[in-house]
Every structure is written in structure tokens, then in C-alpha cells.
Amino acid sequence: MGMRDKHCASRAAGGLINPVTGRWMVKSWRIDDLLPLAEKTYRAIEKTLGISVYHTLPLRRYCLNADDIKRLGRRLRNPRYADVLGPFYGAGESASPMRDEHGSFLIKGAAYLDVPRLLDSLQKHFKCIDEPFVHEQLTSCKGGWNYRGIDAKKVFFCEGAAISQNPWLHHLPIHSIKGETLLLDGPKSLLPRGIYHHQKWILSYGDGRCRMGSTYDETDLSPEPTEKGAQVLMASLRHSIDASFQIVEHKAGLRPTTPDTRPIIGSIPGTENLYVLNGLSSKGASTAPHMCQALIRHVFHEEPLDPEMDCRRFITAVADGQ
């Protein structure tokens, strides 16, 4: 159950899966475990629903300065990164129209997930009720919970930034970070299909269309895209590539983020049969399958949760006044 909210982060995001991220070029959190399960899960969904949503793509990241080159050199000498990093290409050696003053390198295992199509297909398959959820109408009853005449033994809240409206969970320290993306139309043969990371990421569909993102704004938490956001992205685009692009679509979404940047899953203390899965931030495409699997095993097979993901790490802190 849930409304197809156009402002949720999942529908605004590019759905990128990038094994190496950040200024320091480090492996994404637990990516060695997350990536195989993510691909296995999405491939199974594709087969079951007859859709194509998981696309492996080459990802080229461009060094922006001498410090980037030094950081990359350290990673290339580290055996732990042999499975995710390709060789370094000197300035101008990438045969790409992207600005390339300091060289570039390939990142292995990258992909993009067509999240809107995945969500629409899953909602249709499971015949989801497309309407806002009214928490006040969820009441406990014998053996579980009742919502507008629907009986359920267990209830799972996967609400993203809307968790702030949940009376059972609003005290959790999840804050929103607004992100904006652009769908662009440019020269059809300019950028081959793939992912390009300069100042921002560019997801090229190979037909002239590109999705570009993303902004990070912790002050403006309005759900609508802004002119400021578009200007930031277009300025980065002009710095990254010398070509003309037209804005086709402008989206915004609110990412749910935790203080330690780790997801939140588990049973809600003080209640029976209420559960939460949230805080995936900008890593939802890679982390969601593992989080779902861990929560299901915990609920139905009594497997313990990893303390690093268990929601009780924050609920205990709140109860202790920290």
C-alpha cells in the first residue's frame, strides 16, 4: 500500500550502483556482499515479471586534480580494489568528449536500475492500493493489525522521508537531503551508453538522452525542483563537456539519511508486529535487496540483526537521552 509519490527519492534518482564512491575513492559500504545479491535479486524479478530494469554499464570517472591521481594510485596498489578498478588513462586518452585534463579510470561492476519501472511493475503485480497511508487508521486487533478493514499479522513501514509523519517512528534520527536530477537531450552520437562521473554523474542512454545528477541540499526540503538546482547541474555540465543540451525533465526527491549513514531495519520497540526499513539514502538500488533479506530472516526465522543496521541502536540512544 502506498501512493506513487512523484517526489520520493526513488522516482527522482538515477538508480546508479557504483562500487567506488566519494572524494576518497573508497569502496561503497559492504559492496562486496551487496552487489552480487542485488544483481541476483533484480534478475529474478526481471524473469518473474517479464521486464528489463537492471542494466550493467561501463563507468568512467574523471580525475579533477593532482590529488585525485594520487588517491587513485593508492587504490590501484591495494589488492582489495583489483575487482572494482580498471587502469588509469592519462589526460586525453579516454577518447571521450568529456573534459579530461587529469586523466580517468574505469570502475567495474557499475549498473543502473530503472527504479520507476521496477516500482510500477511491482505495484501492478502485487495489486497495491495506490493511496496515501493514514497512520491514525491503523489499529491493533487480535492477532495483528487492522487498516480500513484489512487485517494483517505484520506491518512493515518502508516510507522513506515520509517516516517523519509516522507516530511510531518519528523519533528516529532520520533527516532528509534533497536531491535534484535532470533529463537532458543532446547530440545523439556524442556520449555512448554508459555512466560518466566528472563533477556530477551523467547516465547516458546512448540515444542522445542523459540523466544527470545530483544536488545535495539539507536546507530546502520542499518537494519541488528548483531553478537553483537546475542552474547548479547545468553549470557542472558545461564545465564537464562542450556540447549543447536541452532540459527535458527536472525531478526532485528527498533522501532519508541517518547520522551514521547506515540503513535502519528491525522491529519497533514497544510494539508487536510493527517493523521498519528505512535510511537507504542514495544507495537504495544496491542496499535494498540485502536489507529486505535480512529483515525477512529476522522476522520469520528469528535470525539476529546486524547491530550496525538494527534500528535499536538509535532507539536505545533516544531512551538514554543521548
C-alpha atoms as a PDB file:
ATOM      1  CA  MET A   1       0.000   0.000   0.000  1.00  0.00           C
ATOM      2  CA  GLY A   2       1.237   3.466  -0.775  1.00  0.00           C
ATOM      3  CA  MET A   3       0.820   6.343  -3.192  1.00  0.00           C
ATOM      4  CA  ARG A   4       3.009   6.763  -6.277  1.00  0.00           C
ATOM      5  CA  ASP A   5       4.596   9.913  -4.889  1.00  0.00           C
ATOM      6  CA  LYS A   6       6.492  11.635  -7.695  1.00  0.00           C
ATOM      7  CA  HIS A   7       8.650  13.420  -5.109  1.00  0.00           C
ATOM      8  CA  CYS A   8      10.031  10.307  -3.419  1.00  0.00           C
ATOM      9  CA  ALA A   9      13.759   9.836  -3.888  1.00  0.00           C
ATOM     10  CA  SER A  10      13.292   6.545  -5.731  1.00  0.00           C
ATOM     11  CA  ARG A  11      11.428   8.191  -8.595  1.00  0.00           C
ATOM     12  CA  ALA A  12      13.829  11.119  -8.923  1.00  0.00           C
ATOM     13  CA  ALA A  13      17.102   9.192  -8.656  1.00  0.00           C
ATOM     14  CA  GLY A  14      19.185   7.768 -11.453  1.00  0.00           C
ATOM     15  CA  GLY A  15      19.248   4.345  -9.779  1.00  0.00           C
ATOM     16  CA  LEU A  16      23.023   4.138 -10.089  1.00  0.00           C
ATOM     17  CA  ILE A  17      25.054   1.371  -8.497  1.00  0.00           C
ATOM     18  CA  ASN A  18      28.666   2.493  -8.110  1.00  0.00           C
ATOM     19  CA  PRO A  19      31.133   0.272  -6.235  1.00  0.00           C
ATOM     20  CA  VAL A  20      33.662   3.099  -5.684  1.00  0.00           C
ATOM     21  CA  THR A  21      32.423   6.447  -4.431  1.00  0.00           C
ATOM     22  CA  GLY A  22      33.281   9.676  -2.720  1.00  0.00           C
ATOM     23  CA  ARG A  23      36.174  12.063  -2.761  1.00  0.00           C
ATOM     24  CA  TRP A  24      38.484   9.419  -1.338  1.00  0.00           C
ATOM     25  CA  MET A  25      37.536   6.808  -3.941  1.00  0.00           C
ATOM     26  CA  VAL A  26      36.660   4.098  -1.440  1.00  0.00           C
ATOM     27  CA  LYS A  27      34.537   1.009  -1.867  1.00  0.00           C
ATOM     28  CA  SER A  28      30.893   1.598  -1.063  1.00  0.00           C
ATOM     29  CA  TRP A  29      29.777   0.189   2.274  1.00  0.00           C
ATOM     30  CA  ARG A  30      29.729  -3.633   2.095  1.00  0.00           C
ATOM     31  CA  ILE A  31      29.582  -3.546  -1.691  1.00  0.00           C
ATOM     32  CA  ASP A  32      31.376  -6.916  -1.967  1.00  0.00           C
ATOM     33  CA  ASP A  33      28.347  -8.554  -0.345  1.00  0.00           C
ATOM     34  CA  LEU A  34      25.634  -6.206  -1.573  1.00  0.00           C
ATOM     35  CA  LEU A  35      26.395  -6.220  -5.298  1.00  0.00           C
ATOM     36  CA  PRO A  36      26.055  -9.979  -6.020  1.00  0.00           C
ATOM     37  CA  LEU A  37      22.781 -10.190  -4.097  1.00  0.00           C
ATOM     38  CA  ALA A  38      21.415  -7.056  -5.770  1.00  0.00           C
ATOM     39  CA  GLU A  39      22.035  -8.397  -9.263  1.00  0.00           C
ATOM     40  CA  LYS A  40      20.654 -11.830  -8.359  1.00  0.00           C
ATOM     41  CA  THR A  41      17.511 -10.254  -6.905  1.00  0.00           C
ATOM     42  CA  TYR A  42      16.841  -7.898  -9.800  1.00  0.00           C
ATOM     43  CA  ARG A  43      17.476 -10.628 -12.376  1.00  0.00           C
ATOM     44  CA  ALA A  44      14.948 -12.849 -10.604  1.00  0.00           C
ATOM     45  CA  ILE A  45      12.379 -10.039 -10.607  1.00  0.00           C
ATOM     46  CA  GLU A  46      13.016  -9.421 -14.308  1.00  0.00           C
ATOM     47  CA  LYS A  47      12.406 -13.081 -15.100  1.00  0.00           C
ATOM     48  CA  THR A  48       9.254 -13.280 -12.985  1.00  0.00           C
ATOM     49  CA  LEU A  49       7.658 -10.071 -14.266  1.00  0.00           C
ATOM     50  CA  GLY A  50       8.989 -10.158 -17.819  1.00  0.00           C
ATOM     51  CA  ILE A  51      10.688  -6.769 -17.599  1.00  0.00           C
ATOM     52  CA  SER A  52      14.188  -5.366 -18.039  1.00  0.00           C
ATOM     53  CA  VAL A  53      15.293  -2.982 -15.295  1.00  0.00           C
ATOM     54  CA  TYR A  54      18.869  -3.891 -14.272  1.00  0.00           C
ATOM     55  CA  HIS A  55      21.492  -2.668 -16.714  1.00  0.00           C
ATOM     56  CA  THR A  56      25.225  -3.230 -16.254  1.00  0.00           C
ATOM     57  CA  LEU A  57      27.170  -0.349 -17.785  1.00  0.00           C
ATOM     58  CA  PRO A  58      30.739   0.883 -18.089  1.00  0.00           C
ATOM     59  CA  LEU A  59      31.517   3.693 -15.660  1.00  0.00           C
ATOM     60  CA  ARG A  60      34.336   6.127 -16.327  1.00  0.00           C
ATOM     61  CA  ARG A  61      35.374   8.543 -13.577  1.00  0.00           C
ATOM     62  CA  TYR A  62      37.493  11.578 -14.368  1.00  0.00           C
ATOM     63  CA  CYS A  63      40.192  12.856 -12.039  1.00  0.00           C
ATOM     64  CA  LEU A  64      39.678  16.528 -11.272  1.00  0.00           C
ATOM     65  CA  ASN A  65      43.138  17.391  -9.920  1.00  0.00           C
ATOM     66  CA  ALA A  66      46.523  16.005  -8.902  1.00  0.00           C
ATOM     67  CA  ASP A  67      45.167  14.846  -5.533  1.00  0.00           C
ATOM     68  CA  ASP A  68      42.668  12.586  -7.309  1.00  0.00           C
ATOM     69  CA  ILE A  69      45.515  10.976  -9.242  1.00  0.00           C
ATOM     70  CA  LYS A  70      47.411  10.296  -6.005  1.00  0.00           C
ATOM     71  CA  ARG A  71      44.347   8.783  -4.340  1.00  0.00           C
ATOM     72  CA  LEU A  72      43.712   6.592  -7.348  1.00  0.00           C
ATOM     73  CA  GLY A  73      47.316   5.408  -7.320  1.00  0.00           C
ATOM     74  CA  ARG A  74      46.943   4.252  -3.711  1.00  0.00           C
ATOM     75  CA  ARG A  75      43.747   2.371  -4.550  1.00  0.00           C
ATOM     76  CA  LEU A  76      45.295   0.707  -7.610  1.00  0.00           C
ATOM     77  CA  ARG A  77      48.123  -0.599  -5.421  1.00  0.00           C
ATOM     78  CA  ASN A  78      45.635  -2.047  -2.951  1.00  0.00           C
ATOM     79  CA  PRO A  79      44.671  -5.677  -3.807  1.00  0.00           C
ATOM     80  CA  ARG A  80      41.198  -5.109  -2.302  1.00  0.00           C
ATOM     81  CA  TYR A  81      40.361  -2.834  -5.215  1.00  0.00           C
ATOM     82  CA  ALA A  82      41.514  -5.115  -8.043  1.00  0.00           C
ATOM     83  CA  ASP A  83      37.961  -6.350  -8.656  1.00  0.00           C
ATOM     84  CA  VAL A  84      36.426  -2.868  -8.994  1.00  0.00           C
ATOM     85  CA  LEU A  85      39.081  -0.612 -10.530  1.00  0.00           C
ATOM     86  CA  GLY A  86      40.347  -0.619 -14.087  1.00  0.00           C
ATOM     87  CA  PRO A  87      43.577   1.002 -15.275  1.00  0.00           C
ATOM     88  CA  PHE A  88      44.366   4.708 -15.248  1.00  0.00           C
ATOM     89  CA  TYR A  89      44.216   6.582 -18.554  1.00  0.00           C
ATOM     90  CA  GLY A  90      46.286   9.731 -18.908  1.00  0.00           C
ATOM     91  CA  ALA A  91      44.795  13.095 -19.807  1.00  0.00           C
ATOM     92  CA  GLY A  92      43.053  12.948 -23.165  1.00  0.00           C
ATOM     93  CA  GLU A  93      43.413   9.167 -23.560  1.00  0.00           C
ATOM     94  CA  SER A  94      39.779   8.302 -22.867  1.00  0.00           C
ATOM     95  CA  ALA A  95      38.524   9.008 -26.420  1.00  0.00           C
ATOM     96  CA  SER A  96      35.556  10.761 -24.841  1.00  0.00           C
ATOM     97  CA  PRO A  97      34.101  14.251 -25.362  1.00  0.00           C
ATOM     98  CA  MET A  98      34.253  14.825 -21.593  1.00  0.00           C
ATOM     99  CA  ARG A  99      36.738  17.368 -20.288  1.00  0.00           C
ATOM    100  CA  ASP A 100      39.824  15.319 -19.463  1.00  0.00           C
ATOM    101  CA  GLU A 101      42.674  17.400 -18.047  1.00  0.00           C
ATOM    102  CA  HIS A 102      43.871  14.958 -15.377  1.00  0.00           C
ATOM    103  CA  GLY A 103      43.062  11.529 -16.752  1.00  0.00           C
ATOM    104  CA  SER A 104      40.370   8.984 -15.954  1.00  0.00           C
ATOM    105  CA  PHE A 105      39.765   5.385 -14.880  1.00  0.00           C
ATOM    106  CA  LEU A 106      37.108   2.733 -15.234  1.00  0.00           C
ATOM    107  CA  ILE A 107      35.042   1.342 -12.373  1.00  0.00           C
ATOM    108  CA  LYS A 108      33.954  -2.281 -12.715  1.00  0.00           C
ATOM    109  CA  GLY A 109      30.611  -3.673 -11.606  1.00  0.00           C
ATOM    110  CA  ALA A 110      28.624  -0.477 -12.131  1.00  0.00           C
ATOM    111  CA  ALA A 111      24.986  -0.558 -13.199  1.00  0.00           C
ATOM    112  CA  TYR A 112      21.802   1.412 -13.217  1.00  0.00           C
ATOM    113  CA  LEU A 113      18.404   0.270 -12.037  1.00  0.00           C
ATOM    114  CA  ASP A 114      15.286   1.599 -13.747  1.00  0.00           C
ATOM    115  CA  VAL A 115      13.628   2.256 -10.406  1.00  0.00           C
ATOM    116  CA  PRO A 116      10.365   3.874 -11.624  1.00  0.00           C
ATOM    117  CA  ARG A 117       9.641   0.960 -13.946  1.00  0.00           C
ATOM    118  CA  LEU A 118      10.546  -1.530 -11.233  1.00  0.00           C
ATOM    119  CA  LEU A 119       8.213   0.136  -8.737  1.00  0.00           C
ATOM    120  CA  ASP A 120       5.342   0.403 -11.203  1.00  0.00           C
ATOM    121  CA  SER A 121       5.728  -3.253 -12.201  1.00  0.00           C
ATOM    122  CA  LEU A 122       5.849  -4.457  -8.593  1.00  0.00           C
ATOM    123  CA  GLN A 123       2.829  -2.362  -7.621  1.00  0.00           C
ATOM    124  CA  LYS A 124       0.864  -3.802 -10.540  1.00  0.00           C
ATOM    125  CA  HIS A 125       2.000  -7.372  -9.789  1.00  0.00           C
ATOM    126  CA  PHE A 126       1.029  -7.186  -6.123  1.00  0.00           C
ATOM    127  CA  LYS A 127      -2.101  -5.104  -6.835  1.00  0.00           C
ATOM    128  CA  CYS A 128      -1.009  -2.411  -4.418  1.00  0.00           C
ATOM    129  CA  ILE A 129      -3.518   0.135  -3.190  1.00  0.00           C
ATOM    130  CA  ASP A 130      -2.450   3.477  -4.648  1.00  0.00           C
ATOM    131  CA  GLU A 131      -3.411   5.986  -1.969  1.00  0.00           C
ATOM    132  CA  PRO A 132      -1.809   7.847   0.953  1.00  0.00           C
ATOM    133  CA  PHE A 133      -1.416   5.814   4.134  1.00  0.00           C
ATOM    134  CA  VAL A 134      -3.236   7.313   7.136  1.00  0.00           C
ATOM    135  CA  HIS A 135      -1.383   6.140  10.238  1.00  0.00           C
ATOM    136  CA  GLU A 136      -4.225   7.025  12.582  1.00  0.00           C
ATOM    137  CA  GLN A 137      -6.417   4.434  10.891  1.00  0.00           C
ATOM    138  CA  LEU A 138      -4.029   1.591  11.677  1.00  0.00           C
ATOM    139  CA  THR A 139      -5.296  -0.057  14.854  1.00  0.00           C
ATOM    140  CA  SER A 140      -4.212  -3.114  16.790  1.00  0.00           C
ATOM    141  CA  CYS A 141      -6.540  -6.090  16.879  1.00  0.00           C
ATOM    142  CA  LYS A 142      -6.446  -9.689  17.944  1.00  0.00           C
ATOM    143  CA  GLY A 143      -3.573 -11.374  16.170  1.00  0.00           C
ATOM    144  CA  GLY A 144      -2.209  -8.284  14.473  1.00  0.00           C
ATOM    145  CA  TRP A 145      -3.388  -5.001  12.953  1.00  0.00           C
ATOM    146  CA  ASN A 146      -6.340  -3.644  11.006  1.00  0.00           C
ATOM    147  CA  TYR A 147      -6.334  -0.876   8.436  1.00  0.00           C
ATOM    148  CA  ARG A 148      -9.661   0.157   6.905  1.00  0.00           C
ATOM    149  CA  GLY A 149     -10.995  -3.368   7.145  1.00  0.00           C
ATOM    150  CA  ILE A 150      -7.780  -5.032   6.013  1.00  0.00           C
ATOM    151  CA  ASP A 151      -6.361  -7.459   8.593  1.00  0.00           C
ATOM    152  CA  ALA A 152      -2.620  -8.058   8.725  1.00  0.00           C
ATOM    153  CA  LYS A 153      -0.494 -10.083  11.092  1.00  0.00           C
ATOM    154  CA  LYS A 154       2.539  -7.863  10.489  1.00  0.00           C
ATOM    155  CA  VAL A 155       3.072  -4.338   9.171  1.00  0.00           C
ATOM    156  CA  PHE A 156       6.282  -3.139   7.509  1.00  0.00           C
ATOM    157  CA  PHE A 157       6.928   0.591   7.188  1.00  0.00           C
ATOM    158  CA  CYS A 158       9.137   1.458   4.181  1.00  0.00           C
ATOM    159  CA  GLU A 159       8.263   5.141   3.904  1.00  0.00           C
ATOM    160  CA  GLY A 160      11.482   6.932   3.087  1.00  0.00           C
ATOM    161  CA  ALA A 161      11.462  10.597   4.098  1.00  0.00           C
ATOM    162  CA  ALA A 162       7.755  10.341   4.982  1.00  0.00           C
ATOM    163  CA  ILE A 163       8.807   8.496   8.151  1.00  0.00           C
ATOM    164  CA  SER A 164       8.665  11.880   9.904  1.00  0.00           C
ATOM    165  CA  GLN A 165       4.839  11.579   9.798  1.00  0.00           C
ATOM    166  CA  ASN A 166       4.821   8.114  11.376  1.00  0.00           C
ATOM    167  CA  PRO A 167       3.723   8.269  15.043  1.00  0.00           C
ATOM    168  CA  TRP A 168       5.642   5.066  15.862  1.00  0.00           C
ATOM    169  CA  LEU A 169       8.881   6.181  14.192  1.00  0.00           C
ATOM    170  CA  HIS A 170       9.075   9.971  14.030  1.00  0.00           C
ATOM    171  CA  HIS A 171      11.591   9.993  16.887  1.00  0.00           C
ATOM    172  CA  LEU A 172      14.195   8.118  14.856  1.00  0.00           C
ATOM    173  CA  PRO A 173      17.072  10.402  13.769  1.00  0.00           C
ATOM    174  CA  ILE A 174      16.360  10.239  10.048  1.00  0.00           C
ATOM    175  CA  HIS A 175      16.810  13.531   8.245  1.00  0.00           C
ATOM    176  CA  SER A 176      16.134  14.390   4.627  1.00  0.00           C
ATOM    177  CA  ILE A 177      18.582  15.553   1.990  1.00  0.00           C
ATOM    178  CA  LYS A 178      17.022  16.961  -1.140  1.00  0.00           C
ATOM    179  CA  GLY A 179      18.380  15.831  -4.479  1.00  0.00           C
ATOM    180  CA  GLU A 180      17.546  17.079  -7.956  1.00  0.00           C
ATOM    181  CA  THR A 181      18.207  15.436 -11.320  1.00  0.00           C
ATOM    182  CA  LEU A 182      17.749  16.471 -14.948  1.00  0.00           C
ATOM    183  CA  LEU A 183      16.765  14.504 -18.020  1.00  0.00           C
ATOM    184  CA  LEU A 184      18.649  16.053 -20.923  1.00  0.00           C
ATOM    185  CA  ASP A 185      18.524  15.749 -24.694  1.00  0.00           C
ATOM    186  CA  GLY A 186      21.727  16.317 -26.668  1.00  0.00           C
ATOM    187  CA  PRO A 187      23.610  15.198 -29.767  1.00  0.00           C
ATOM    188  CA  LYS A 188      22.665  11.575 -30.457  1.00  0.00           C
ATOM    189  CA  SER A 189      26.153  10.179 -31.077  1.00  0.00           C
ATOM    190  CA  LEU A 190      28.028  12.291 -28.521  1.00  0.00           C
ATOM    191  CA  LEU A 191      28.093  10.017 -25.466  1.00  0.00           C
ATOM    192  CA  PRO A 192      27.976   6.236 -25.870  1.00  0.00           C
ATOM    193  CA  ARG A 193      25.717   4.341 -23.481  1.00  0.00           C
ATOM    194  CA  GLY A 194      27.343   4.352 -20.056  1.00  0.00           C
ATOM    195  CA  ILE A 195      27.951   6.281 -16.853  1.00  0.00           C
ATOM    196  CA  TYR A 196      30.331   9.235 -16.724  1.00  0.00           C
ATOM    197  CA  HIS A 197      31.441  10.833 -13.483  1.00  0.00           C
ATOM    198  CA  HIS A 198      33.044  14.271 -13.631  1.00  0.00           C
ATOM    199  CA  GLN A 199      31.855  16.857 -11.139  1.00  0.00           C
ATOM    200  CA  LYS A 200      28.465  15.145 -11.226  1.00  0.00           C
ATOM    201  CA  TRP A 201      27.321  11.849 -12.709  1.00  0.00           C
ATOM    202  CA  ILE A 202      25.861  11.557 -16.196  1.00  0.00           C
ATOM    203  CA  LEU A 203      23.912   8.464 -17.184  1.00  0.00           C
ATOM    204  CA  SER A 204      23.863   8.279 -20.982  1.00  0.00           C
ATOM    205  CA  TYR A 205      21.143   6.119 -22.544  1.00  0.00           C
ATOM    206  CA  GLY A 206      23.037   6.086 -25.848  1.00  0.00           C
ATOM    207  CA  ASP A 207      20.379   7.865 -27.916  1.00  0.00           C
ATOM    208  CA  GLY A 208      21.194  11.458 -27.017  1.00  0.00           C
ATOM    209  CA  ARG A 209      19.216  11.393 -23.777  1.00  0.00           C
ATOM    210  CA  CYS A 210      21.062  11.633 -20.456  1.00  0.00           C
ATOM    211  CA  ARG A 211      20.043  11.691 -16.812  1.00  0.00           C
ATOM    212  CA  MET A 212      22.282  13.969 -14.745  1.00  0.00           C
ATOM    213  CA  GLY A 213      22.598  14.459 -11.000  1.00  0.00           C
ATOM    214  CA  SER A 214      22.621  15.068  -8.299  1.00  0.00           C
ATOM    215  CA  THR A 215      22.388  18.002  -5.944  1.00  0.00           C
ATOM    216  CA  TYR A 216      22.626  17.712  -2.140  1.00  0.00           C
ATOM    217  CA  ASP A 217      20.583  20.241  -0.175  1.00  0.00           C
ATOM    218  CA  GLU A 218      19.868  19.964   3.561  1.00  0.00           C
ATOM    219  CA  THR A 219      18.203  23.386   3.876  1.00  0.00           C
ATOM    220  CA  ASP A 220      15.497  23.449   1.203  1.00  0.00           C
ATOM    221  CA  LEU A 221      13.348  20.415   1.893  1.00  0.00           C
ATOM    222  CA  SER A 222      10.445  21.424  -0.324  1.00  0.00           C
ATOM    223  CA  PRO A 223       9.358  18.602  -2.648  1.00  0.00           C
ATOM    224  CA  GLU A 224       9.509  20.631  -5.855  1.00  0.00           C
ATOM    225  CA  PRO A 225      12.508  21.003  -8.184  1.00  0.00           C
ATOM    226  CA  THR A 226      14.121  24.428  -8.102  1.00  0.00           C
ATOM    227  CA  GLU A 227      15.708  26.821 -10.554  1.00  0.00           C
ATOM    228  CA  LYS A 228      18.775  26.894  -8.300  1.00  0.00           C
ATOM    229  CA  GLY A 229      19.130  23.134  -8.565  1.00  0.00           C
ATOM    230  CA  ALA A 230      18.880  23.241 -12.355  1.00  0.00           C
ATOM    231  CA  GLN A 231      21.484  26.006 -12.513  1.00  0.00           C
ATOM    232  CA  VAL A 232      23.930  24.021 -10.345  1.00  0.00           C
ATOM    233  CA  LEU A 233      23.585  20.947 -12.544  1.00  0.00           C
ATOM    234  CA  MET A 234      23.804  22.835 -15.837  1.00  0.00           C
ATOM    235  CA  ALA A 235      26.898  24.720 -14.648  1.00  0.00           C
ATOM    236  CA  SER A 236      28.548  21.401 -13.845  1.00  0.00           C
ATOM    237  CA  LEU A 237      27.518  20.038 -17.239  1.00  0.00           C
ATOM    238  CA  ARG A 238      29.055  22.995 -19.073  1.00  0.00           C
ATOM    239  CA  HIS A 239      32.281  22.506 -17.121  1.00  0.00           C
ATOM    240  CA  SER A 240      32.345  18.785 -17.937  1.00  0.00           C
ATOM    241  CA  ILE A 241      31.511  18.714 -21.640  1.00  0.00           C
ATOM    242  CA  ASP A 242      31.425  21.180 -24.518  1.00  0.00           C
ATOM    243  CA  ALA A 243      28.066  20.463 -26.104  1.00  0.00           C
ATOM    244  CA  SER A 244      24.518  21.771 -26.190  1.00  0.00           C
ATOM    245  CA  PHE A 245      21.841  20.020 -24.130  1.00  0.00           C
ATOM    246  CA  GLN A 246      18.171  20.789 -23.589  1.00  0.00           C
ATOM    247  CA  ILE A 247      16.357  20.108 -20.316  1.00  0.00           C
ATOM    248  CA  VAL A 248      13.525  17.636 -20.942  1.00  0.00           C
ATOM    249  CA  GLU A 249      12.557  16.851 -17.348  1.00  0.00           C
ATOM    250  CA  HIS A 250      13.519  18.136 -13.906  1.00  0.00           C
ATOM    251  CA  LYS A 251      12.891  15.990 -10.814  1.00  0.00           C
ATOM    252  CA  ALA A 252      13.432  16.364  -7.093  1.00  0.00           C
ATOM    253  CA  GLY A 253      13.270  13.897  -4.221  1.00  0.00           C
ATOM    254  CA  LEU A 254      14.068  13.651  -0.520  1.00  0.00           C
ATOM    255  CA  ARG A 255      16.652  11.071   0.543  1.00  0.00           C
ATOM    256  CA  PRO A 256      16.180   9.562   4.038  1.00  0.00           C
ATOM    257  CA  THR A 257      19.577   9.620   5.756  1.00  0.00           C
ATOM    258  CA  THR A 258      20.811   8.542   9.189  1.00  0.00           C
ATOM    259  CA  PRO A 259      23.583  10.126  11.327  1.00  0.00           C
ATOM    260  CA  ASP A 260      25.924   7.167  10.720  1.00  0.00           C
ATOM    261  CA  THR A 261      24.849   6.777   7.049  1.00  0.00           C
ATOM    262  CA  ARG A 262      23.735   3.195   7.688  1.00  0.00           C
ATOM    263  CA  PRO A 263      20.247   1.799   6.962  1.00  0.00           C
ATOM    264  CA  ILE A 264      17.656   1.220   9.660  1.00  0.00           C
ATOM    265  CA  ILE A 265      15.776  -2.089   9.881  1.00  0.00           C
ATOM    266  CA  GLY A 266      14.113  -4.075  12.629  1.00  0.00           C
ATOM    267  CA  SER A 267      11.124  -4.404  14.918  1.00  0.00           C
ATOM    268  CA  ILE A 268       9.800  -1.284  16.592  1.00  0.00           C
ATOM    269  CA  PRO A 269      10.334  -1.497  20.374  1.00  0.00           C
ATOM    270  CA  GLY A 270       7.199  -1.195  22.471  1.00  0.00           C
ATOM    271  CA  THR A 271       5.001  -2.647  19.730  1.00  0.00           C
ATOM    272  CA  GLU A 272       4.156  -6.070  18.378  1.00  0.00           C
ATOM    273  CA  ASN A 273       4.467  -6.965  14.710  1.00  0.00           C
ATOM    274  CA  LEU A 274       5.454  -3.488  13.511  1.00  0.00           C
ATOM    275  CA  TYR A 275       8.702  -3.223  11.547  1.00  0.00           C
ATOM    276  CA  VAL A 276      10.765  -0.583   9.793  1.00  0.00           C
ATOM    277  CA  LEU A 277      13.086  -0.466   6.795  1.00  0.00           C
ATOM    278  CA  ASN A 278      14.476   2.983   6.028  1.00  0.00           C
ATOM    279  CA  GLY A 279      17.557   5.200   5.783  1.00  0.00           C
ATOM    280  CA  LEU A 280      18.876   3.878   2.464  1.00  0.00           C
ATOM    281  CA  SER A 281      19.782   7.418   1.359  1.00  0.00           C
ATOM    282  CA  SER A 282      21.394   7.478  -2.109  1.00  0.00           C
ATOM    283  CA  LYS A 283      22.377   3.781  -2.005  1.00  0.00           C
ATOM    284  CA  GLY A 284      18.941   2.205  -2.218  1.00  0.00           C
ATOM    285  CA  ALA A 285      19.491   0.371  -5.510  1.00  0.00           C
ATOM    286  CA  SER A 286      22.450  -1.551  -4.092  1.00  0.00           C
ATOM    287  CA  THR A 287      21.371  -1.949  -0.450  1.00  0.00           C
ATOM    288  CA  ALA A 288      17.622  -2.640  -0.633  1.00  0.00           C
ATOM    289  CA  PRO A 289      17.813  -6.362  -1.557  1.00  0.00           C
ATOM    290  CA  HIS A 290      20.167  -7.160   1.321  1.00  0.00           C
ATOM    291  CA  MET A 291      18.167  -5.084   3.821  1.00  0.00           C
ATOM    292  CA  CYS A 292      14.937  -6.803   2.799  1.00  0.00           C
ATOM    293  CA  GLN A 293      16.509 -10.240   3.058  1.00  0.00           C
ATOM    294  CA  ALA A 294      17.988  -9.500   6.497  1.00  0.00           C
ATOM    295  CA  LEU A 295      14.680  -8.173   7.815  1.00  0.00           C
ATOM    296  CA  ILE A 296      12.659 -11.115   6.474  1.00  0.00           C
ATOM    297  CA  ARG A 297      15.084 -13.606   8.004  1.00  0.00           C
ATOM    298  CA  HIS A 298      14.888 -11.759  11.306  1.00  0.00           C
ATOM    299  CA  VAL A 299      11.094 -11.631  11.369  1.00  0.00           C
ATOM    300  CA  PHE A 300      10.258 -15.111  10.077  1.00  0.00           C
ATOM    301  CA  HIS A 301      13.338 -17.123  11.031  1.00  0.00           C
ATOM    302  CA  GLU A 302      14.448 -15.261  14.176  1.00  0.00           C
ATOM    303  CA  GLU A 303      17.912 -14.569  12.797  1.00  0.00           C
ATOM    304  CA  PRO A 304      19.654 -11.762  14.714  1.00  0.00           C
ATOM    305  CA  LEU A 305      20.118  -8.411  13.020  1.00  0.00           C
ATOM    306  CA  ASP A 306      23.499  -6.868  12.436  1.00  0.00           C
ATOM    307  CA  PRO A 307      23.823  -4.176  15.163  1.00  0.00           C
ATOM    308  CA  GLU A 308      25.152  -1.800  12.521  1.00  0.00           C
ATOM    309  CA  MET A 309      21.725  -1.842  10.828  1.00  0.00           C
ATOM    310  CA  ASP A 310      19.392  -2.546  13.758  1.00  0.00           C
ATOM    311  CA  CYS A 311      17.036   0.367  14.469  1.00  0.00           C
ATOM    312  CA  ARG A 312      17.521  -0.223  18.185  1.00  0.00           C
ATOM    313  CA  ARG A 313      20.933   1.440  18.015  1.00  0.00           C
ATOM    314  CA  PHE A 314      19.106   4.762  17.759  1.00  0.00           C
ATOM    315  CA  ILE A 315      16.047   3.951  19.842  1.00  0.00           C
ATOM    316  CA  THR A 316      18.288   2.987  22.776  1.00  0.00           C
ATOM    317  CA  ALA A 317      20.189   6.248  22.417  1.00  0.00           C
ATOM    318  CA  VAL A 318      16.931   8.244  22.432  1.00  0.00           C
ATOM    319  CA  ALA A 319      15.709   6.421  25.548  1.00  0.00           C
ATOM    320  CA  ASP A 320      19.029   7.142  27.285  1.00  0.00           C
ATOM    321  CA  GLY A 321      18.826  10.823  26.399  1.00  0.00           C
ATOM    322  CA  GLN A 322      21.845  10.814  24.082  1.00  0.00           C
END
